[in-house]
Every structure is written in structure tokens, then in C-alpha cells.
Amino acid sequence: MVSEISPLPVLQTPRLTLRPVRESDSEDVYAIYSDVIALKYFAREPLENMDEARQMMAENLAFGEDPGAQFWAICLRENDRMIGTFTLFHISEKNRRAEVGYILNREFWGKGLGSEALKRIIDHCFTDLDMVRLEADVDPQNEPSLKMLERHGFEREGYFRKRWFMRGEWFDSVMFGLLRPATAGRHASSQKGT
């Protein structure tokens, strides 16, 4: 069940390790979250210095204690370098669902690493945690993220205008949903007999 989500498990893929964030990841966190281009579609302001990175690390470590959220460092298996983060949040045990969020250091874009991490998280959520639904909130201009979610079976379910206000302007949002394959048609078929 979803309630068995803590402590945060270490997850492996052929090229990646998804593990809890460590205080020693501060420099990598700064590299990721200070990059204005990488944060173009991300709902936070860029970090301005290492003090802000250390503060963010403290927040992320506390975030990991929240039963409604899980926060992984995405690391290269070959050297344990943190190259991104993956978050499960708005976790609902009752409704067996969660929202996914992710970001990669721009140096590692275009190599399929985000897709590899997403596939592992999907497997973990549906197999290990017995979730039924995953959701994602994406800027409609973020084509790489939109395409990646669709490749993994997420479907566009809604469009929200002016959902986020950041850096002095409003941003729209596309909402995606993914159902565990064995449950995808269950609700519709059960409604036919009623």
C-alpha cells in the first residue's frame, strides 16, 4: 500500500541510481537550480548563491520527512553524481495516487536519462506502492517534457489557464494522468452494469 512509502527506497536503472538527497549534494543542487534555462518551465526562482542551495537542501531533507511526498536525487550509477531530482508529491493513500515532478541538469538533457528515471518511478509506484494513478502538471510550451510523458502513456486530461505566476508573468498548465494498466478500464466497465 501507499502508506509503506517510507523510508525512501533506493531505485536502480541501467544508468541511474535514485536515492535520498544528501547534504553533500549541495553543489549539484546549485548547478541544477541556478540554471535559468533549466528552470524556464519550473515553478521556482533560480538560486542565486550556495547559501540558497544549502537552504534548499535543508528544505528538501525536511520535505522527505513528509508522508505526502518523496524526494529522490537522480544520480549517475558510475560515480554517484547527482544530475537531477525526482519528486512524488500530493501522495494520497486513500485515493492511491501521486503527482510526479522532475528536473535534470541541462548538461544531461537529450540522453534519455529523464525517461529512464520516469520509467523506474512508474514501475515503483504501480508495482511496489500499489498506486492506481499518477499525475503531472506541465507547462504547455515544455515540448520535451510533454513528449516524454506521452511516450510513457500519460494522457492530457486538462488545460488550466494562468495557473502559475512566476518571474512577473502568468503561465498556463497542462494536466496529465496515467492509470495503472490493469485498472485503466475498470471504472468504465463497472459502471456499465449499474
N, C-alpha and C. Protein backbone atom coordinates (compact mmCIF):
# COMPACT_ATOMS: atom_id res chain seq x y z
N MET A 1 0.83 -1.21 0.00
CA MET A 1 0.00 0.00 0.00
C MET A 1 0.86 1.25 0.00
N VAL A 2 0.25 2.38 -0.35
CA VAL A 2 0.95 3.65 -0.43
C VAL A 2 1.56 4.04 0.91
N SER A 3 0.95 3.67 2.02
CA SER A 3 1.45 4.07 3.33
C SER A 3 2.83 3.49 3.63
N GLU A 4 3.25 2.46 2.89
CA GLU A 4 4.54 1.84 3.11
C GLU A 4 5.65 2.54 2.32
N ILE A 5 5.44 3.80 1.96
CA ILE A 5 6.36 4.53 1.10
C ILE A 5 7.63 4.98 1.82
N SER A 6 7.64 4.99 3.14
CA SER A 6 8.79 5.47 3.89
C SER A 6 9.43 4.29 4.63
N PRO A 7 10.74 4.19 4.76
CA PRO A 7 11.73 5.14 4.29
C PRO A 7 11.91 5.08 2.78
N LEU A 8 12.49 6.14 2.25
CA LEU A 8 12.65 6.25 0.80
C LEU A 8 13.55 5.13 0.28
N PRO A 9 13.05 4.33 -0.66
CA PRO A 9 13.88 3.26 -1.20
C PRO A 9 14.89 3.79 -2.22
N VAL A 10 15.99 3.09 -2.36
CA VAL A 10 16.94 3.37 -3.42
C VAL A 10 16.50 2.57 -4.63
N LEU A 11 16.35 3.24 -5.77
CA LEU A 11 15.89 2.61 -7.00
C LEU A 11 17.01 2.64 -8.04
N GLN A 12 17.14 1.56 -8.80
CA GLN A 12 18.20 1.46 -9.79
C GLN A 12 17.62 1.34 -11.19
N THR A 13 18.34 1.90 -12.16
CA THR A 13 18.10 1.69 -13.58
C THR A 13 19.44 1.31 -14.19
N PRO A 14 19.50 0.98 -15.47
CA PRO A 14 20.81 0.64 -16.04
C PRO A 14 21.87 1.73 -15.85
N ARG A 15 21.47 3.00 -15.93
CA ARG A 15 22.47 4.08 -15.82
C ARG A 15 22.34 4.94 -14.58
N LEU A 16 21.27 4.78 -13.82
CA LEU A 16 20.96 5.71 -12.74
C LEU A 16 20.72 5.02 -11.41
N THR A 17 20.96 5.78 -10.36
CA THR A 17 20.51 5.43 -9.01
C THR A 17 19.63 6.58 -8.53
N LEU A 18 18.44 6.26 -8.06
CA LEU A 18 17.58 7.25 -7.43
C LEU A 18 17.66 6.97 -5.94
N ARG A 19 18.19 7.93 -5.20
CA ARG A 19 18.46 7.74 -3.77
C ARG A 19 18.05 8.99 -3.01
N PRO A 20 18.00 8.90 -1.67
CA PRO A 20 17.71 10.10 -0.89
C PRO A 20 18.76 11.18 -1.12
N VAL A 21 18.33 12.43 -1.04
CA VAL A 21 19.24 13.56 -1.17
C VAL A 21 20.14 13.61 0.07
N ARG A 22 21.39 14.02 -0.13
CA ARG A 22 22.35 14.15 0.96
C ARG A 22 22.84 15.60 1.05
N GLU A 23 23.29 15.99 2.22
CA GLU A 23 23.85 17.34 2.37
C GLU A 23 25.01 17.56 1.43
N SER A 24 25.75 16.52 1.11
CA SER A 24 26.90 16.64 0.21
C SER A 24 26.50 16.92 -1.24
N ASP A 25 25.19 16.89 -1.54
CA ASP A 25 24.72 17.18 -2.90
C ASP A 25 24.54 18.67 -3.17
N SER A 26 24.88 19.53 -2.22
CA SER A 26 24.58 20.96 -2.34
C SER A 26 25.12 21.60 -3.62
N GLU A 27 26.35 21.27 -4.00
CA GLU A 27 26.93 21.88 -5.21
C GLU A 27 26.17 21.46 -6.46
N ASP A 28 25.76 20.18 -6.51
CA ASP A 28 24.99 19.71 -7.65
C ASP A 28 23.59 20.34 -7.66
N VAL A 29 23.01 20.51 -6.48
CA VAL A 29 21.72 21.19 -6.39
C VAL A 29 21.85 22.62 -6.92
N TYR A 30 22.91 23.28 -6.54
CA TYR A 30 23.12 24.66 -7.03
C TYR A 30 23.27 24.67 -8.56
N ALA A 31 24.03 23.73 -9.11
CA ALA A 31 24.21 23.68 -10.56
C ALA A 31 22.88 23.51 -11.29
N ILE A 32 21.99 22.71 -10.73
CA ILE A 32 20.69 22.45 -11.36
C ILE A 32 19.75 23.63 -11.20
N TYR A 33 19.60 24.09 -9.96
CA TYR A 33 18.55 25.06 -9.64
C TYR A 33 18.99 26.52 -9.76
N SER A 34 20.22 26.77 -10.23
CA SER A 34 20.62 28.15 -10.52
C SER A 34 20.57 28.42 -12.02
N ASP A 35 20.31 27.40 -12.81
CA ASP A 35 20.31 27.50 -14.27
C ASP A 35 18.96 28.05 -14.75
N VAL A 36 18.98 29.29 -15.21
CA VAL A 36 17.74 29.96 -15.64
C VAL A 36 17.06 29.19 -16.78
N ILE A 37 17.85 28.62 -17.68
CA ILE A 37 17.26 27.89 -18.81
C ILE A 37 16.60 26.61 -18.32
N ALA A 38 17.26 25.87 -17.42
CA ALA A 38 16.67 24.63 -16.90
C ALA A 38 15.40 24.91 -16.12
N LEU A 39 15.33 26.10 -15.50
CA LEU A 39 14.15 26.44 -14.68
C LEU A 39 13.07 27.19 -15.46
N LYS A 40 13.24 27.30 -16.76
CA LYS A 40 12.28 28.07 -17.56
C LYS A 40 10.84 27.62 -17.33
N TYR A 41 10.63 26.31 -17.19
CA TYR A 41 9.27 25.78 -17.02
C TYR A 41 9.05 25.24 -15.61
N PHE A 42 9.90 25.61 -14.69
CA PHE A 42 9.84 25.07 -13.33
C PHE A 42 9.29 26.13 -12.40
N ALA A 43 8.44 25.74 -11.47
CA ALA A 43 7.72 26.70 -10.61
C ALA A 43 8.56 27.15 -9.41
N ARG A 44 9.74 27.71 -9.70
CA ARG A 44 10.54 28.31 -8.63
C ARG A 44 11.56 29.26 -9.24
N GLU A 45 12.01 30.19 -8.43
CA GLU A 45 13.02 31.15 -8.87
C GLU A 45 14.39 30.48 -8.83
N PRO A 46 15.32 30.87 -9.73
CA PRO A 46 16.67 30.30 -9.70
C PRO A 46 17.41 30.65 -8.40
N LEU A 47 18.24 29.73 -7.93
CA LEU A 47 19.08 30.01 -6.78
C LEU A 47 20.14 31.03 -7.17
N GLU A 48 20.48 31.91 -6.24
CA GLU A 48 21.46 32.95 -6.54
C GLU A 48 22.83 32.68 -5.96
N ASN A 49 22.93 31.79 -4.94
CA ASN A 49 24.23 31.52 -4.33
C ASN A 49 24.17 30.19 -3.58
N MET A 50 25.33 29.77 -3.08
CA MET A 50 25.42 28.48 -2.38
C MET A 50 24.65 28.49 -1.07
N ASP A 51 24.52 29.65 -0.42
CA ASP A 51 23.72 29.71 0.81
C ASP A 51 22.27 29.31 0.51
N GLU A 52 21.74 29.80 -0.62
CA GLU A 52 20.39 29.43 -1.01
C GLU A 52 20.31 27.93 -1.34
N ALA A 53 21.38 27.39 -1.93
CA ALA A 53 21.40 25.96 -2.23
C ALA A 53 21.37 25.14 -0.95
N ARG A 54 22.14 25.57 0.06
CA ARG A 54 22.14 24.85 1.34
C ARG A 54 20.77 24.95 2.01
N GLN A 55 20.13 26.12 1.90
CA GLN A 55 18.79 26.29 2.46
C GLN A 55 17.80 25.36 1.74
N MET A 56 17.93 25.28 0.42
CA MET A 56 17.05 24.39 -0.35
C MET A 56 17.28 22.94 0.05
N MET A 57 18.54 22.57 0.29
CA MET A 57 18.85 21.21 0.73
C MET A 57 18.16 20.91 2.06
N ALA A 58 18.21 21.86 2.98
CA ALA A 58 17.55 21.67 4.28
C ALA A 58 16.05 21.48 4.07
N GLU A 59 15.46 22.27 3.18
CA GLU A 59 14.02 22.14 2.88
C GLU A 59 13.72 20.78 2.26
N ASN A 60 14.59 20.34 1.34
CA ASN A 60 14.37 19.06 0.68
C ASN A 60 14.51 17.89 1.65
N LEU A 61 15.45 17.99 2.57
CA LEU A 61 15.60 16.94 3.57
C LEU A 61 14.36 16.88 4.46
N ALA A 62 13.81 18.05 4.81
CA ALA A 62 12.57 18.09 5.60
C ALA A 62 11.39 17.59 4.77
N PHE A 63 11.39 17.94 3.48
CA PHE A 63 10.34 17.51 2.57
C PHE A 63 10.27 15.99 2.54
N GLY A 64 11.44 15.34 2.60
CA GLY A 64 11.49 13.89 2.60
C GLY A 64 10.86 13.25 3.82
N GLU A 65 10.66 14.04 4.89
CA GLU A 65 10.01 13.52 6.09
C GLU A 65 8.49 13.59 6.00
N ASP A 66 7.97 14.28 5.00
CA ASP A 66 6.54 14.46 4.80
C ASP A 66 5.95 13.17 4.22
N PRO A 67 4.97 12.54 4.89
CA PRO A 67 4.41 11.30 4.34
C PRO A 67 3.66 11.51 3.02
N GLY A 68 3.36 12.75 2.68
CA GLY A 68 2.67 13.04 1.43
C GLY A 68 3.61 13.36 0.29
N ALA A 69 4.92 13.15 0.50
CA ALA A 69 5.89 13.48 -0.54
C ALA A 69 7.14 12.61 -0.40
N GLN A 70 7.78 12.38 -1.53
CA GLN A 70 9.06 11.67 -1.56
C GLN A 70 9.96 12.40 -2.55
N PHE A 71 11.25 12.50 -2.20
CA PHE A 71 12.17 13.33 -2.97
C PHE A 71 13.48 12.56 -3.19
N TRP A 72 13.75 12.20 -4.45
CA TRP A 72 14.96 11.45 -4.80
C TRP A 72 15.98 12.36 -5.48
N ALA A 73 17.25 12.07 -5.25
CA ALA A 73 18.33 12.59 -6.09
C ALA A 73 18.49 11.60 -7.25
N ILE A 74 18.52 12.12 -8.47
CA ILE A 74 18.81 11.28 -9.64
C ILE A 74 20.32 11.33 -9.83
N CYS A 75 20.98 10.17 -9.72
CA CYS A 75 22.44 10.12 -9.76
C CYS A 75 22.93 9.15 -10.82
N LEU A 76 24.09 9.44 -11.40
CA LEU A 76 24.72 8.51 -12.31
C LEU A 76 25.26 7.32 -11.51
N ARG A 77 24.98 6.13 -11.97
CA ARG A 77 25.46 4.93 -11.25
C ARG A 77 26.98 4.86 -11.23
N GLU A 78 27.60 5.35 -12.30
CA GLU A 78 29.05 5.19 -12.42
C GLU A 78 29.84 5.97 -11.38
N ASN A 79 29.29 7.12 -10.90
CA ASN A 79 30.07 7.93 -9.95
C ASN A 79 29.23 8.57 -8.85
N ASP A 80 27.93 8.27 -8.80
CA ASP A 80 27.00 8.80 -7.80
C ASP A 80 26.82 10.32 -7.89
N ARG A 81 27.17 10.91 -9.02
CA ARG A 81 26.97 12.35 -9.18
C ARG A 81 25.48 12.63 -9.33
N MET A 82 24.98 13.60 -8.54
CA MET A 82 23.58 14.00 -8.63
C MET A 82 23.39 14.87 -9.88
N ILE A 83 22.48 14.43 -10.76
CA ILE A 83 22.26 15.18 -12.00
C ILE A 83 20.82 15.69 -12.11
N GLY A 84 20.01 15.43 -11.09
CA GLY A 84 18.63 15.90 -11.14
C GLY A 84 17.88 15.47 -9.89
N THR A 85 16.60 15.79 -9.89
CA THR A 85 15.74 15.37 -8.78
C THR A 85 14.44 14.82 -9.34
N PHE A 86 13.85 13.92 -8.59
CA PHE A 86 12.54 13.36 -8.93
C PHE A 86 11.69 13.40 -7.67
N THR A 87 10.49 13.93 -7.79
CA THR A 87 9.61 14.10 -6.63
C THR A 87 8.28 13.41 -6.88
N LEU A 88 7.82 12.69 -5.88
CA LEU A 88 6.42 12.24 -5.80
C LEU A 88 5.79 13.11 -4.72
N PHE A 89 4.72 13.81 -5.05
CA PHE A 89 4.08 14.66 -4.05
C PHE A 89 2.58 14.61 -4.23
N HIS A 90 1.87 15.28 -3.32
CA HIS A 90 0.41 15.15 -3.26
C HIS A 90 0.03 13.67 -3.21
N ILE A 91 0.82 12.90 -2.47
CA ILE A 91 0.54 11.47 -2.34
C ILE A 91 -0.73 11.28 -1.51
N SER A 92 -1.68 10.57 -2.08
CA SER A 92 -2.94 10.28 -1.39
C SER A 92 -3.05 8.78 -1.20
N GLU A 93 -2.92 8.34 0.05
CA GLU A 93 -3.05 6.92 0.35
C GLU A 93 -4.46 6.43 0.04
N LYS A 94 -5.46 7.21 0.46
CA LYS A 94 -6.86 6.81 0.26
C LYS A 94 -7.17 6.63 -1.23
N ASN A 95 -6.70 7.57 -2.04
CA ASN A 95 -7.02 7.55 -3.47
C ASN A 95 -5.96 6.85 -4.31
N ARG A 96 -4.88 6.39 -3.67
CA ARG A 96 -3.81 5.64 -4.33
C ARG A 96 -3.28 6.37 -5.56
N ARG A 97 -2.93 7.65 -5.33
CA ARG A 97 -2.39 8.44 -6.44
C ARG A 97 -1.31 9.38 -5.92
N ALA A 98 -0.52 9.92 -6.86
CA ALA A 98 0.50 10.90 -6.55
C ALA A 98 0.80 11.71 -7.80
N GLU A 99 1.46 12.85 -7.60
CA GLU A 99 1.90 13.69 -8.71
C GLU A 99 3.41 13.55 -8.84
N VAL A 100 3.89 13.55 -10.09
CA VAL A 100 5.32 13.45 -10.33
C VAL A 100 5.88 14.81 -10.76
N GLY A 101 7.13 15.05 -10.36
CA GLY A 101 7.86 16.24 -10.77
C GLY A 101 9.33 15.88 -10.93
N TYR A 102 10.01 16.51 -11.87
CA TYR A 102 11.40 16.14 -12.15
C TYR A 102 12.13 17.31 -12.81
N ILE A 103 13.44 17.29 -12.65
CA ILE A 103 14.30 18.25 -13.34
C ILE A 103 15.67 17.61 -13.47
N LEU A 104 16.35 17.90 -14.61
CA LEU A 104 17.70 17.40 -14.84
C LEU A 104 18.64 18.56 -15.09
N ASN A 105 19.87 18.40 -14.66
CA ASN A 105 20.94 19.32 -15.03
C ASN A 105 20.97 19.37 -16.56
N ARG A 106 21.05 20.58 -17.10
CA ARG A 106 20.97 20.76 -18.55
C ARG A 106 22.09 20.02 -19.29
N GLU A 107 23.20 19.81 -18.63
CA GLU A 107 24.33 19.08 -19.22
C GLU A 107 23.93 17.67 -19.64
N PHE A 108 22.85 17.14 -19.04
CA PHE A 108 22.44 15.75 -19.28
C PHE A 108 21.15 15.64 -20.07
N TRP A 109 20.67 16.74 -20.64
CA TRP A 109 19.47 16.69 -21.46
C TRP A 109 19.76 15.91 -22.76
N GLY A 110 18.71 15.33 -23.32
CA GLY A 110 18.81 14.68 -24.62
C GLY A 110 19.49 13.32 -24.62
N LYS A 111 19.70 12.73 -23.46
CA LYS A 111 20.36 11.43 -23.36
C LYS A 111 19.41 10.32 -22.92
N GLY A 112 18.13 10.65 -22.74
CA GLY A 112 17.15 9.65 -22.31
C GLY A 112 17.18 9.34 -20.83
N LEU A 113 17.92 10.14 -20.04
CA LEU A 113 18.04 9.85 -18.60
C LEU A 113 16.77 10.20 -17.84
N GLY A 114 16.11 11.29 -18.22
CA GLY A 114 14.84 11.64 -17.58
C GLY A 114 13.79 10.57 -17.83
N SER A 115 13.76 10.06 -19.05
CA SER A 115 12.83 9.00 -19.41
C SER A 115 13.12 7.72 -18.64
N GLU A 116 14.40 7.42 -18.46
CA GLU A 116 14.80 6.23 -17.71
C GLU A 116 14.37 6.33 -16.24
N ALA A 117 14.54 7.53 -15.67
CA ALA A 117 14.11 7.74 -14.28
C ALA A 117 12.60 7.66 -14.16
N LEU A 118 11.88 8.27 -15.10
CA LEU A 118 10.42 8.25 -15.06
C LEU A 118 9.89 6.82 -15.15
N LYS A 119 10.46 6.03 -16.05
CA LYS A 119 10.01 4.63 -16.18
C LYS A 119 10.18 3.89 -14.86
N ARG A 120 11.30 4.11 -14.20
CA ARG A 120 11.56 3.41 -12.92
C ARG A 120 10.57 3.85 -11.84
N ILE A 121 10.26 5.15 -11.81
CA ILE A 121 9.30 5.67 -10.82
C ILE A 121 7.90 5.11 -11.10
N ILE A 122 7.52 5.06 -12.37
CA ILE A 122 6.20 4.50 -12.72
C ILE A 122 6.12 3.05 -12.24
N ASP A 123 7.16 2.26 -12.53
CA ASP A 123 7.17 0.86 -12.10
C ASP A 123 7.08 0.76 -10.57
N HIS A 124 7.84 1.60 -9.88
CA HIS A 124 7.83 1.60 -8.41
C HIS A 124 6.44 1.93 -7.87
N CYS A 125 5.82 2.96 -8.44
CA CYS A 125 4.51 3.39 -7.94
C CYS A 125 3.43 2.34 -8.17
N PHE A 126 3.39 1.76 -9.37
CA PHE A 126 2.33 0.81 -9.69
C PHE A 126 2.59 -0.59 -9.13
N THR A 127 3.84 -0.98 -9.04
CA THR A 127 4.17 -2.33 -8.57
C THR A 127 4.39 -2.38 -7.06
N ASP A 128 5.31 -1.55 -6.58
CA ASP A 128 5.69 -1.60 -5.16
C ASP A 128 4.70 -0.88 -4.25
N LEU A 129 4.15 0.23 -4.71
CA LEU A 129 3.28 1.05 -3.87
C LEU A 129 1.80 0.82 -4.12
N ASP A 130 1.47 0.01 -5.13
CA ASP A 130 0.08 -0.32 -5.44
C ASP A 130 -0.76 0.91 -5.75
N MET A 131 -0.14 1.93 -6.35
CA MET A 131 -0.90 3.10 -6.77
C MET A 131 -1.72 2.77 -8.00
N VAL A 132 -2.76 3.56 -8.20
CA VAL A 132 -3.65 3.37 -9.34
C VAL A 132 -3.48 4.49 -10.36
N ARG A 133 -3.01 5.66 -9.89
CA ARG A 133 -2.97 6.83 -10.77
C ARG A 133 -1.75 7.70 -10.47
N LEU A 134 -1.13 8.21 -11.53
CA LEU A 134 -0.08 9.22 -11.42
C LEU A 134 -0.51 10.44 -12.22
N GLU A 135 -0.08 11.61 -11.77
CA GLU A 135 -0.45 12.86 -12.42
C GLU A 135 0.81 13.70 -12.65
N ALA A 136 0.73 14.61 -13.62
CA ALA A 136 1.83 15.54 -13.89
C ALA A 136 1.24 16.86 -14.36
N ASP A 137 1.85 17.95 -13.92
CA ASP A 137 1.45 19.32 -14.25
C ASP A 137 2.61 19.92 -15.05
N VAL A 138 2.38 20.24 -16.33
CA VAL A 138 3.47 20.64 -17.23
C VAL A 138 3.11 21.92 -17.96
N ASP A 139 4.10 22.79 -18.13
CA ASP A 139 3.92 23.99 -18.95
C ASP A 139 3.67 23.54 -20.39
N PRO A 140 2.63 24.07 -21.06
CA PRO A 140 2.32 23.61 -22.42
C PRO A 140 3.40 23.93 -23.44
N GLN A 141 4.35 24.80 -23.10
CA GLN A 141 5.44 25.10 -24.03
C GLN A 141 6.65 24.17 -23.83
N ASN A 142 6.60 23.33 -22.80
CA ASN A 142 7.72 22.44 -22.50
C ASN A 142 7.58 21.15 -23.32
N GLU A 143 7.87 21.27 -24.61
CA GLU A 143 7.67 20.15 -25.54
C GLU A 143 8.42 18.88 -25.15
N PRO A 144 9.69 18.95 -24.74
CA PRO A 144 10.38 17.70 -24.37
C PRO A 144 9.67 16.95 -23.24
N SER A 145 9.20 17.68 -22.24
CA SER A 145 8.51 17.02 -21.12
C SER A 145 7.16 16.47 -21.56
N LEU A 146 6.44 17.22 -22.36
CA LEU A 146 5.14 16.74 -22.87
C LEU A 146 5.33 15.43 -23.63
N LYS A 147 6.33 15.40 -24.52
CA LYS A 147 6.57 14.21 -25.34
C LYS A 147 7.00 13.03 -24.48
N MET A 148 7.85 13.29 -23.48
CA MET A 148 8.32 12.21 -22.62
C MET A 148 7.15 11.57 -21.87
N LEU A 149 6.27 12.40 -21.30
CA LEU A 149 5.13 11.86 -20.58
C LEU A 149 4.24 11.04 -21.50
N GLU A 150 3.99 11.55 -22.70
CA GLU A 150 3.13 10.82 -23.64
C GLU A 150 3.77 9.50 -24.06
N ARG A 151 5.09 9.46 -24.24
CA ARG A 151 5.78 8.20 -24.58
C ARG A 151 5.59 7.15 -23.49
N HIS A 152 5.40 7.60 -22.25
CA HIS A 152 5.22 6.67 -21.14
C HIS A 152 3.74 6.42 -20.82
N GLY A 153 2.85 6.86 -21.69
CA GLY A 153 1.44 6.53 -21.56
C GLY A 153 0.58 7.57 -20.85
N PHE A 154 1.17 8.67 -20.39
CA PHE A 154 0.37 9.73 -19.77
C PHE A 154 -0.53 10.35 -20.83
N GLU A 155 -1.75 10.69 -20.43
CA GLU A 155 -2.70 11.33 -21.34
C GLU A 155 -3.05 12.72 -20.85
N ARG A 156 -3.23 13.63 -21.80
CA ARG A 156 -3.63 15.00 -21.47
C ARG A 156 -5.08 14.98 -21.00
N GLU A 157 -5.30 15.54 -19.82
CA GLU A 157 -6.64 15.50 -19.23
C GLU A 157 -7.24 16.88 -18.97
N GLY A 158 -6.44 17.90 -19.04
CA GLY A 158 -6.99 19.23 -18.78
C GLY A 158 -6.00 20.33 -19.10
N TYR A 159 -6.52 21.51 -19.32
CA TYR A 159 -5.70 22.68 -19.62
C TYR A 159 -6.15 23.80 -18.68
N PHE A 160 -5.20 24.33 -17.91
CA PHE A 160 -5.51 25.38 -16.95
C PHE A 160 -4.80 26.67 -17.36
N ARG A 161 -5.59 27.70 -17.60
CA ARG A 161 -5.03 28.99 -17.98
C ARG A 161 -4.58 29.77 -16.75
N LYS A 162 -3.44 30.45 -16.89
CA LYS A 162 -2.90 31.30 -15.82
C LYS A 162 -2.89 30.57 -14.47
N ARG A 163 -2.27 29.42 -14.45
CA ARG A 163 -2.24 28.62 -13.22
C ARG A 163 -1.10 29.01 -12.30
N TRP A 164 0.04 29.44 -12.86
CA TRP A 164 1.22 29.79 -12.08
C TRP A 164 1.67 31.21 -12.39
N PHE A 165 2.02 31.96 -11.35
CA PHE A 165 2.58 33.31 -11.53
C PHE A 165 4.03 33.28 -11.08
N MET A 166 4.95 33.45 -12.03
CA MET A 166 6.38 33.40 -11.73
C MET A 166 7.11 34.44 -12.56
N ARG A 167 8.14 34.98 -11.96
CA ARG A 167 9.02 35.93 -12.65
C ARG A 167 8.23 37.01 -13.39
N GLY A 168 7.16 37.46 -12.75
CA GLY A 168 6.39 38.58 -13.26
C GLY A 168 5.41 38.26 -14.37
N GLU A 169 5.16 36.98 -14.64
CA GLU A 169 4.18 36.65 -15.68
C GLU A 169 3.40 35.40 -15.33
N TRP A 170 2.26 35.23 -16.01
CA TRP A 170 1.39 34.08 -15.79
C TRP A 170 1.77 32.96 -16.74
N PHE A 171 1.63 31.71 -16.23
CA PHE A 171 1.90 30.53 -17.04
C PHE A 171 0.71 29.60 -16.99
N ASP A 172 0.41 29.01 -18.15
CA ASP A 172 -0.64 28.00 -18.24
C ASP A 172 -0.09 26.64 -17.83
N SER A 173 -0.97 25.67 -17.75
CA SER A 173 -0.57 24.34 -17.30
C SER A 173 -1.40 23.28 -18.01
N VAL A 174 -0.73 22.20 -18.43
CA VAL A 174 -1.41 21.03 -18.99
C VAL A 174 -1.34 19.94 -17.92
N MET A 175 -2.48 19.35 -17.60
CA MET A 175 -2.52 18.28 -16.61
C MET A 175 -2.58 16.94 -17.33
N PHE A 176 -1.71 16.03 -16.89
CA PHE A 176 -1.63 14.68 -17.44
C PHE A 176 -2.01 13.66 -16.38
N GLY A 177 -2.53 12.53 -16.83
CA GLY A 177 -2.81 11.42 -15.94
C GLY A 177 -2.37 10.11 -16.56
N LEU A 178 -1.94 9.20 -15.70
CA LEU A 178 -1.56 7.85 -16.13
C LEU A 178 -2.20 6.86 -15.16
N LEU A 179 -2.98 5.92 -15.70
CA LEU A 179 -3.59 4.87 -14.89
C LEU A 179 -2.78 3.59 -14.98
N ARG A 180 -2.71 2.88 -13.86
CA ARG A 180 -2.06 1.57 -13.88
C ARG A 180 -2.79 0.71 -14.90
N PRO A 181 -2.08 0.06 -15.81
CA PRO A 181 -2.73 -0.65 -16.91
C PRO A 181 -3.86 -1.59 -16.50
N ALA A 182 -3.70 -2.35 -15.45
CA ALA A 182 -4.74 -3.31 -15.05
C ALA A 182 -6.02 -2.64 -14.58
N THR A 183 -5.94 -1.34 -14.24
CA THR A 183 -7.12 -0.65 -13.72
C THR A 183 -7.69 0.37 -14.70
N ALA A 184 -7.05 0.55 -15.84
CA ALA A 184 -7.43 1.63 -16.76
C ALA A 184 -8.89 1.60 -17.17
N GLY A 185 -9.44 0.43 -17.48
CA GLY A 185 -10.82 0.36 -17.93
C GLY A 185 -11.80 -0.10 -16.85
N ARG A 186 -11.31 -0.35 -15.65
CA ARG A 186 -12.14 -0.96 -14.60
C ARG A 186 -13.34 -0.09 -14.26
N HIS A 187 -13.15 1.21 -14.07
CA HIS A 187 -14.25 2.07 -13.65
C HIS A 187 -15.34 2.12 -14.72
N ALA A 188 -14.91 2.30 -15.98
CA ALA A 188 -15.88 2.39 -17.06
C ALA A 188 -16.69 1.09 -17.20
N SER A 189 -16.00 -0.06 -17.11
CA SER A 189 -16.72 -1.32 -17.28
C SER A 189 -17.63 -1.60 -16.09
N SER A 190 -17.21 -1.18 -14.89
CA SER A 190 -18.06 -1.44 -13.72
C SER A 190 -19.30 -0.54 -13.74
N GLN A 191 -19.21 0.60 -14.40
CA GLN A 191 -20.37 1.49 -14.49
C GLN A 191 -21.44 0.96 -15.44
N LYS A 192 -21.03 0.14 -16.43
CA LYS A 192 -22.00 -0.37 -17.40
C LYS A 192 -23.03 -1.28 -16.75
N GLY A 193 -22.64 -2.01 -15.71
CA GLY A 193 -23.56 -2.94 -15.07
C GLY A 193 -24.46 -2.30 -14.03
N THR A 194 -24.30 -1.00 -13.77
CA THR A 194 -25.11 -0.35 -12.75
C THR A 194 -26.24 0.45 -13.36
